[in-house]
Amino acid sequence: MIRPLDGITVISLEHAIAAPFCTRQLADLGARVIKIERPVTGDFARDYDQRVKGMSSHFTWTNRSKESLCLDLKNEKAFAILLQLLKTADVLVQNLAPGATERMGLSAEKLKALNPRLIVCDISGYGNDGPYRDKKAYDLLIQSEAGFLSVTGTKDSPSKAGNSIADISAGMYAYTNILSALLLRDKTGIGSHIDISMLESLGEWMGFPMYYAFDGASPPQRSGASHATIYPYGPFPVGDGNTIMLGLQNEREWLVFCEKVLKLPTLAHEEKFSLNFKRHENRSELEKIIVDCFSKLNIDQVTQLLEAAQIANARMNDMQGLWQHPQLASRNRWAQIDSPVGQVPALLPPGVNNQYSYRMDAVPAVGEHSEKILTELGLDSKSIQELKDTKAI
């Protein structure tokens, strides 16, 4: 079996989520990812929690199929090892503090002289220039700067996303930019320098609320789990204490919903509910009608009515519901991966390709592959021991 990135070597100076999420996806496609970590402690995300048999949930999610090489990059010999790796590598990904790689002597210009085919991808909060260049950036802070919090949550309480959406967006754009750079290098023979900003990544995902507020118009109002401008679209309680999520996208569905689900066909023609913007304006009154109808039914009965009417719906699952989701099980979307604490389940990456299967290798222990990689570089056991003795690795 041939995977798309077989033969590609990625060196990553990474921590937390954005860069590790990017490089894990490159590893999924077959790339060899060598993760440079601090000796002993490693990536600080290893210590976020101990939810996965003692391992961090974040680290388990973003670091399978990688090799861990410990290097103290302040040590000259350790830094020389990194340069040796970069001479023949295909990609360098880094999300260190702003300006850190330049201060280390790893600017894109110097790396181009070292290896003209190297693709260098910098991931930062705000990008490599501009007034915010040196400003510290974490996921929640970018969610705030990008306006995400202003349109998420309830009327009285802005809310962050339940996952690291700013990191994820930056990781995704880094991933796709690297794939594009690899394709470009096939045409030109020259590597690229990629500058990924978390603010710009999440800003792209804010396209709908930005344009909705175009030219000074009022932005979408925070509306909890409901849609800000389409109604009915969101969560509704049912009689057995569960919650159903439903979404109506057009007037045809509204007519069917009133007739076949609510059993109130005349409701569809009331002037105050006749078009989406009117339903949005009168959502409080309409909500009471819908909740009253659903209060007489359990979750299965409501789901059956919505399915029969072909109205989009979903159950509001929790994390256990996702682990046990029948659709994921039916499509065989789970794999078992190795780790320092034994096997753990992992969701296969999205996208089923009939020409290859994803690489699903182990989550590494800190420095697990150090000796193996150093031996590949030509160091003998005595030299490796000297590096250990001086704490360079």
Protein backbone atom coordinates (compact mmCIF):
# COMPACT_ATOMS: atom_id res chain seq x y z
CA MET A 1 0.00 0.00 0.00
CA ILE A 2 1.28 3.44 -0.97
CA ARG A 3 0.20 6.47 1.07
CA PRO A 4 0.26 10.01 -0.36
CA LEU A 5 3.12 11.25 1.86
CA ASP A 6 5.26 8.13 2.02
CA GLY A 7 8.91 9.20 1.84
CA ILE A 8 8.24 12.72 3.15
CA THR A 9 10.10 13.70 6.33
CA VAL A 10 8.69 16.38 8.62
CA ILE A 11 10.64 17.95 11.48
CA SER A 12 8.44 19.70 14.00
CA LEU A 13 9.31 22.17 16.74
CA GLU A 14 5.85 21.99 18.20
CA HIS A 15 3.81 22.19 21.35
CA ALA A 16 0.19 22.43 22.43
CA ILE A 17 -2.31 21.98 19.58
CA ALA A 18 -2.02 23.95 16.32
CA ALA A 19 1.27 22.52 15.02
CA PRO A 20 0.80 19.02 16.51
CA PHE A 21 -2.67 18.79 14.92
CA CYS A 22 -1.17 19.77 11.56
CA THR A 23 1.72 17.30 11.73
CA ARG A 24 -0.43 14.44 12.98
CA GLN A 25 -2.49 14.75 9.82
CA LEU A 26 0.69 14.66 7.73
CA ALA A 27 1.62 11.49 9.62
CA ASP A 28 -1.84 10.06 8.93
CA LEU A 29 -0.98 10.29 5.23
CA GLY A 30 2.32 8.46 5.67
CA ALA A 31 4.84 11.22 6.41
CA ARG A 32 7.62 10.52 8.88
CA VAL A 33 7.16 13.14 11.59
CA ILE A 34 10.07 13.69 13.97
CA LYS A 35 8.82 15.67 16.94
CA ILE A 36 11.58 17.62 18.70
CA GLU A 37 10.90 17.72 22.44
CA ARG A 38 12.61 19.09 25.53
CA PRO A 39 14.62 16.42 27.36
CA VAL A 40 12.71 14.76 30.23
CA THR A 41 9.55 16.92 30.19
CA GLY A 42 8.77 17.03 26.48
CA ASP A 43 5.83 18.92 25.00
CA PHE A 44 4.04 20.71 27.86
CA ALA A 45 0.71 19.46 26.47
CA ARG A 46 1.71 16.04 27.82
CA ASP A 47 0.77 17.38 31.26
CA TYR A 48 -2.56 19.08 30.52
CA ASP A 49 -4.45 16.24 32.22
CA GLN A 50 -4.27 12.47 32.80
CA ARG A 51 -7.60 11.40 31.34
CA VAL A 52 -6.34 8.70 28.95
CA LYS A 53 -4.92 6.05 31.27
CA GLY A 54 -2.61 8.72 32.67
CA MET A 55 -1.88 10.44 29.36
CA SER A 56 -3.15 13.88 28.39
CA SER A 57 -6.30 13.95 26.27
CA HIS A 58 -4.88 16.71 24.03
CA PHE A 59 -1.55 14.93 23.55
CA THR A 60 -3.15 11.56 22.76
CA TRP A 61 -5.37 13.18 20.15
CA THR A 62 -2.67 15.09 18.25
CA ASN A 63 0.51 13.01 18.47
CA ARG A 64 0.02 9.48 17.22
CA SER A 65 2.29 8.09 14.49
CA LYS A 66 5.19 10.41 15.43
CA GLU A 67 8.75 9.84 16.57
CA SER A 68 9.96 11.71 19.65
CA LEU A 69 13.52 13.06 19.61
CA CYS A 70 14.70 14.94 22.69
CA LEU A 71 17.08 17.83 22.00
CA ASP A 72 18.09 20.73 24.20
CA LEU A 73 18.40 23.26 21.41
CA LYS A 74 20.41 25.62 23.62
CA ASN A 75 23.17 23.01 23.51
CA GLU A 76 25.46 23.42 20.48
CA LYS A 77 25.74 19.70 19.80
CA ALA A 78 21.99 19.21 20.02
CA PHE A 79 21.40 22.18 17.71
CA ALA A 80 23.89 20.70 15.23
CA ILE A 81 21.81 17.50 15.19
CA LEU A 82 18.71 19.53 14.31
CA LEU A 83 20.57 21.22 11.44
CA GLN A 84 21.73 17.84 10.19
CA LEU A 85 18.13 16.63 10.11
CA LEU A 86 16.96 19.77 8.31
CA LYS A 87 19.55 19.36 5.53
CA THR A 88 17.58 16.44 4.11
CA ALA A 89 14.08 17.02 5.54
CA ASP A 90 11.12 18.01 3.39
CA VAL A 91 9.16 20.11 5.88
CA LEU A 92 9.79 22.08 9.06
CA VAL A 93 6.74 23.03 11.12
CA GLN A 94 7.10 25.28 14.16
CA ASN A 95 4.81 27.11 16.55
CA LEU A 96 7.32 28.35 19.11
CA ALA A 97 7.09 31.80 20.65
CA PRO A 98 7.12 34.73 18.18
CA GLY A 99 10.62 35.27 16.80
CA ALA A 100 12.08 32.26 18.63
CA THR A 101 13.29 30.38 15.56
CA GLU A 102 14.87 33.51 14.08
CA ARG A 103 16.79 34.09 17.33
CA MET A 104 17.97 30.47 17.16
CA GLY A 105 19.31 30.96 13.65
CA LEU A 106 16.45 29.12 11.96
CA SER A 107 14.97 31.91 9.87
CA ALA A 108 13.43 30.92 6.56
CA GLU A 109 16.28 32.67 4.71
CA LYS A 110 19.01 30.72 6.51
CA LEU A 111 17.13 27.46 6.14
CA LYS A 112 16.72 28.06 2.41
CA ALA A 113 20.49 28.31 2.12
CA LEU A 114 20.82 25.09 4.12
CA ASN A 115 18.18 23.18 2.11
CA PRO A 116 16.53 24.94 -0.86
CA ARG A 117 13.83 22.23 -1.09
CA LEU A 118 12.76 22.62 2.54
CA ILE A 119 9.21 23.80 3.16
CA VAL A 120 9.10 25.96 6.30
CA CYS A 121 5.75 26.50 7.98
CA ASP A 122 5.50 29.04 10.80
CA ILE A 123 2.33 28.97 12.90
CA SER A 124 1.72 31.91 15.22
CA GLY A 125 -1.10 33.85 16.77
CA TYR A 126 -0.96 36.90 14.53
CA GLY A 127 1.57 36.24 11.77
CA ASN A 128 5.20 37.13 11.17
CA ASP A 129 4.69 40.88 10.88
CA GLY A 130 2.28 43.64 11.87
CA PRO A 131 1.70 45.39 15.21
CA TYR A 132 0.50 42.21 16.93
CA ARG A 133 3.47 40.11 15.78
CA ASP A 134 5.00 39.65 19.25
CA LYS A 135 1.74 39.44 21.18
CA LYS A 136 1.19 36.18 23.04
CA ALA A 137 -1.69 34.15 21.66
CA TYR A 138 -3.65 31.26 23.08
CA ASP A 139 -6.78 29.68 21.68
CA LEU A 140 -9.29 31.55 23.85
CA LEU A 141 -7.55 34.87 23.18
CA ILE A 142 -7.77 34.36 19.42
CA GLN A 143 -11.42 33.33 19.71
CA SER A 144 -11.93 36.69 21.37
CA GLU A 145 -9.85 38.77 18.92
CA ALA A 146 -11.52 37.12 15.91
CA GLY A 147 -14.99 38.05 17.15
CA PHE A 148 -16.00 34.44 17.70
CA LEU A 149 -17.06 35.07 21.30
CA SER A 150 -19.19 38.03 20.24
CA VAL A 151 -21.54 35.76 18.27
CA THR A 152 -21.32 32.62 20.42
CA GLY A 153 -23.16 31.96 23.67
CA THR A 154 -26.33 33.49 25.05
CA LYS A 155 -27.61 37.05 25.08
CA ASP A 156 -26.14 37.60 28.55
CA SER A 157 -23.02 35.46 28.34
CA PRO A 158 -20.43 35.18 25.54
CA SER A 159 -19.05 31.65 25.35
CA LYS A 160 -15.91 30.06 23.96
CA ALA A 161 -16.09 26.98 21.77
CA GLY A 162 -15.93 23.70 23.66
CA ASN A 163 -12.80 22.68 21.75
CA SER A 164 -9.69 24.55 20.59
CA ILE A 165 -11.27 25.98 17.46
CA ALA A 166 -8.60 28.65 16.81
CA ASP A 167 -5.80 26.11 17.14
CA ILE A 168 -7.69 23.63 14.97
CA SER A 169 -8.33 26.17 12.23
CA ALA A 170 -4.66 27.17 12.16
CA GLY A 171 -3.59 23.51 12.14
CA MET A 172 -5.93 22.78 9.23
CA TYR A 173 -4.64 25.70 7.14
CA ALA A 174 -1.05 24.77 7.94
CA TYR A 175 -1.80 21.21 6.80
CA THR A 176 -3.41 22.24 3.51
CA ASN A 177 -0.75 24.88 2.83
CA ILE A 178 1.97 22.28 3.29
CA LEU A 179 0.23 19.89 0.91
CA SER A 180 -0.01 22.73 -1.63
CA ALA A 181 3.68 23.56 -1.13
CA LEU A 182 4.64 19.92 -1.74
CA LEU A 183 2.69 19.97 -5.02
CA LEU A 184 4.32 23.26 -5.98
CA ARG A 185 7.78 21.90 -5.19
CA ASP A 186 7.14 19.05 -7.63
CA LYS A 187 6.76 21.72 -10.34
CA THR A 188 9.53 24.13 -9.30
CA GLY A 189 11.99 22.05 -7.27
CA ILE A 190 12.04 24.80 -4.62
CA GLY A 191 10.57 24.85 -1.11
CA SER A 192 8.19 27.48 0.27
CA HIS A 193 7.95 29.63 3.37
CA ILE A 194 4.43 29.48 4.83
CA ASP A 195 3.20 32.01 7.39
CA ILE A 196 0.04 30.81 9.18
CA SER A 197 -1.82 33.14 11.55
CA MET A 198 -4.39 31.81 14.02
CA LEU A 199 -6.26 35.12 13.78
CA GLU A 200 -6.48 34.90 9.99
CA SER A 201 -7.44 31.22 10.10
CA LEU A 202 -10.33 31.72 12.50
CA GLY A 203 -11.15 35.03 10.80
CA GLU A 204 -11.79 33.09 7.57
CA TRP A 205 -14.25 30.89 9.43
CA MET A 206 -16.08 34.01 10.63
CA GLY A 207 -17.12 34.87 7.07
CA PHE A 208 -20.88 34.58 7.57
CA PRO A 209 -21.17 36.82 10.67
CA MET A 210 -18.69 39.31 9.14
CA TYR A 211 -20.74 39.72 5.97
CA TYR A 212 -23.99 39.69 7.93
CA ALA A 213 -22.60 42.75 9.73
CA PHE A 214 -21.37 44.31 6.46
CA ASP A 215 -21.05 48.09 6.22
CA GLY A 216 -21.94 48.72 9.87
CA ALA A 217 -25.04 46.50 9.99
CA SER A 218 -25.92 44.80 13.27
CA PRO A 219 -24.15 41.44 13.77
CA PRO A 220 -25.92 38.13 14.46
CA GLN A 221 -27.16 38.04 18.03
CA ARG A 222 -25.89 35.38 20.41
CA SER A 223 -28.60 32.74 20.61
CA GLY A 224 -27.16 29.78 22.47
CA ALA A 225 -27.42 26.58 20.46
CA SER A 226 -30.09 28.07 18.21
CA HIS A 227 -29.32 29.61 14.84
CA ALA A 228 -28.90 33.36 15.04
CA THR A 229 -31.03 34.14 11.97
CA ILE A 230 -32.97 31.00 10.94
CA TYR A 231 -35.93 29.70 12.95
CA PRO A 232 -36.88 27.11 14.06
CA TYR A 233 -33.30 25.87 14.06
CA GLY A 234 -31.80 24.63 17.32
CA PRO A 235 -32.56 22.62 20.48
CA PHE A 236 -36.04 21.89 21.81
CA PRO A 237 -36.95 19.93 24.95
CA VAL A 238 -39.22 16.92 24.63
CA GLY A 239 -41.51 15.22 27.11
CA ASP A 240 -39.09 12.63 28.49
CA GLY A 241 -36.43 15.19 29.47
CA ASN A 242 -34.29 14.73 26.35
CA THR A 243 -33.48 17.41 23.79
CA ILE A 244 -34.00 17.24 20.04
CA MET A 245 -32.05 19.44 17.64
CA LEU A 246 -33.88 20.35 14.46
CA GLY A 247 -33.30 22.64 11.52
CA LEU A 248 -35.65 24.09 8.92
CA GLN A 249 -33.97 25.71 5.92
CA ASN A 250 -36.83 26.79 3.66
CA GLU A 251 -40.53 27.51 3.39
CA ARG A 252 -41.39 24.10 1.94
CA GLU A 253 -39.98 22.44 5.05
CA TRP A 254 -41.89 24.88 7.26
CA LEU A 255 -45.17 23.84 5.68
CA VAL A 256 -44.40 20.14 6.12
CA PHE A 257 -43.22 20.69 9.69
CA CYS A 258 -46.50 22.35 10.69
CA GLU A 259 -48.61 19.72 8.95
CA LYS A 260 -46.82 16.46 9.75
CA VAL A 261 -44.89 17.15 12.95
CA LEU A 262 -46.81 19.78 14.91
CA LYS A 263 -50.16 18.66 13.42
CA LEU A 264 -51.05 22.35 13.11
CA PRO A 265 -51.33 22.94 9.34
CA THR A 266 -52.94 26.38 9.71
CA LEU A 267 -49.96 27.63 11.72
CA ALA A 268 -47.84 27.70 8.57
CA HIS A 269 -50.06 30.35 7.02
CA GLU A 270 -50.27 32.74 9.95
CA GLU A 271 -48.82 36.03 8.82
CA LYS A 272 -46.37 36.36 11.73
CA PHE A 273 -44.86 32.94 10.92
CA SER A 274 -45.20 32.93 7.13
CA LEU A 275 -41.56 33.69 6.28
CA ASN A 276 -38.26 32.94 8.03
CA PHE A 277 -37.48 36.55 8.99
CA LYS A 278 -40.94 36.82 10.57
CA ARG A 279 -40.47 33.55 12.47
CA HIS A 280 -37.13 34.90 13.65
CA GLU A 281 -38.78 38.10 14.88
CA ASN A 282 -41.51 36.12 16.68
CA ARG A 283 -39.35 33.21 17.83
CA SER A 284 -40.39 33.41 21.50
CA GLU A 285 -44.05 32.89 20.67
CA LEU A 286 -43.29 30.13 18.17
CA GLU A 287 -40.96 28.40 20.59
CA LYS A 288 -43.78 28.03 23.13
CA ILE A 289 -45.98 26.37 20.50
CA ILE A 290 -43.28 23.90 19.46
CA VAL A 291 -42.28 23.04 23.04
CA ASP A 292 -45.94 22.48 23.97
CA CYS A 293 -46.35 20.01 21.10
CA PHE A 294 -43.12 18.18 21.88
CA SER A 295 -43.88 18.01 25.62
CA LYS A 296 -46.48 15.33 24.94
CA LEU A 297 -43.95 13.07 23.17
CA ASN A 298 -40.72 11.26 23.98
CA ILE A 299 -37.47 11.57 22.02
CA ASP A 300 -38.15 8.53 19.83
CA GLN A 301 -41.65 9.73 18.90
CA VAL A 302 -40.42 13.21 17.99
CA THR A 303 -37.56 11.74 15.96
CA GLN A 304 -39.96 9.46 14.08
CA LEU A 305 -42.24 12.37 13.18
CA LEU A 306 -39.30 14.48 11.98
CA GLU A 307 -37.84 11.62 9.94
CA ALA A 308 -41.20 10.88 8.34
CA ALA A 309 -41.49 14.56 7.38
CA GLN A 310 -37.84 14.59 6.19
CA ILE A 311 -37.00 17.40 8.58
CA ALA A 312 -33.31 17.53 9.53
CA ASN A 313 -32.81 16.52 13.14
CA ALA A 314 -30.27 15.18 15.61
CA ARG A 315 -30.05 14.05 19.19
CA MET A 316 -27.95 16.25 21.44
CA ASN A 317 -25.25 13.73 22.26
CA ASP A 318 -22.68 14.01 25.01
CA MET A 319 -19.15 12.61 24.74
CA GLN A 320 -20.26 9.11 25.75
CA GLY A 321 -22.86 9.31 23.01
CA LEU A 322 -20.13 10.11 20.51
CA TRP A 323 -17.91 7.25 21.70
CA GLN A 324 -20.86 4.92 21.23
CA HIS A 325 -22.38 6.48 18.10
CA PRO A 326 -23.95 3.73 15.99
CA GLN A 327 -23.04 5.42 12.70
CA LEU A 328 -19.33 5.50 13.55
CA ALA A 329 -19.46 1.87 14.66
CA SER A 330 -21.34 0.80 11.54
CA ARG A 331 -18.76 2.45 9.26
CA ASN A 332 -15.85 0.91 11.19
CA ARG A 333 -14.40 4.33 12.00
CA TRP A 334 -12.52 3.21 15.12
CA ALA A 335 -8.98 1.87 15.35
CA GLN A 336 -6.75 0.81 18.23
CA ILE A 337 -3.40 2.57 18.57
CA ASP A 338 -0.47 1.80 20.84
CA SER A 339 0.86 4.19 23.45
CA PRO A 340 3.18 4.18 26.48
CA VAL A 341 0.17 3.11 28.59
CA GLY A 342 -1.15 0.42 26.25
CA GLN A 343 -3.72 0.44 23.48
CA VAL A 344 -6.28 3.21 23.24
CA PRO A 345 -9.08 3.75 20.70
CA ALA A 346 -8.70 6.42 18.03
CA LEU A 347 -11.16 7.78 15.50
CA LEU A 348 -9.94 7.35 11.93
CA PRO A 349 -9.36 10.61 10.04
CA PRO A 350 -12.31 11.92 8.00
CA GLY A 351 -12.38 10.78 4.38
CA VAL A 352 -12.43 7.20 3.14
CA ASN A 353 -10.06 6.70 0.20
CA ASN A 354 -10.24 3.41 -1.66
CA GLN A 355 -6.54 3.55 -2.61
CA TYR A 356 -4.96 3.60 0.85
CA SER A 357 -5.67 3.40 4.57
CA TYR A 358 -4.46 5.91 7.13
CA ARG A 359 -1.38 5.37 9.21
CA MET A 360 -2.44 4.78 12.81
CA ASP A 361 0.75 4.18 14.77
CA ALA A 362 1.63 4.69 18.41
CA VAL A 363 1.67 7.80 20.57
CA PRO A 364 5.36 8.18 21.53
CA ALA A 365 6.89 8.42 24.96
CA VAL A 366 9.22 11.38 25.58
CA GLY A 367 12.45 10.73 23.69
CA GLU A 368 11.37 7.23 22.71
CA HIS A 369 13.09 7.43 19.32
CA SER A 370 16.12 9.55 20.22
CA GLU A 371 18.72 6.79 20.03
CA LYS A 372 17.23 5.31 16.87
CA ILE A 373 17.29 8.64 15.03
CA LEU A 374 20.79 9.55 16.24
CA THR A 375 22.07 6.16 15.11
CA GLU A 376 20.56 6.81 11.67
CA LEU A 377 22.54 10.06 11.58
CA GLY A 378 25.74 8.10 12.11
CA LEU A 379 26.38 8.62 15.83
CA ASP A 380 27.85 5.69 17.71
CA SER A 381 26.84 4.55 21.19
CA LYS A 382 29.70 6.45 22.84
CA SER A 383 28.68 9.74 21.19
CA ILE A 384 25.06 9.20 22.14
CA GLN A 385 26.03 8.53 25.74
CA GLU A 386 28.05 11.74 25.81
CA LEU A 387 25.00 13.65 24.63
CA LYS A 388 23.01 12.06 27.44
CA ASP A 389 25.66 12.87 30.00
CA THR A 390 25.66 16.54 29.02
CA LYS A 391 21.83 16.57 28.92
CA ALA A 392 21.86 17.61 25.28
CA ILE A 393 19.26 14.89 24.66
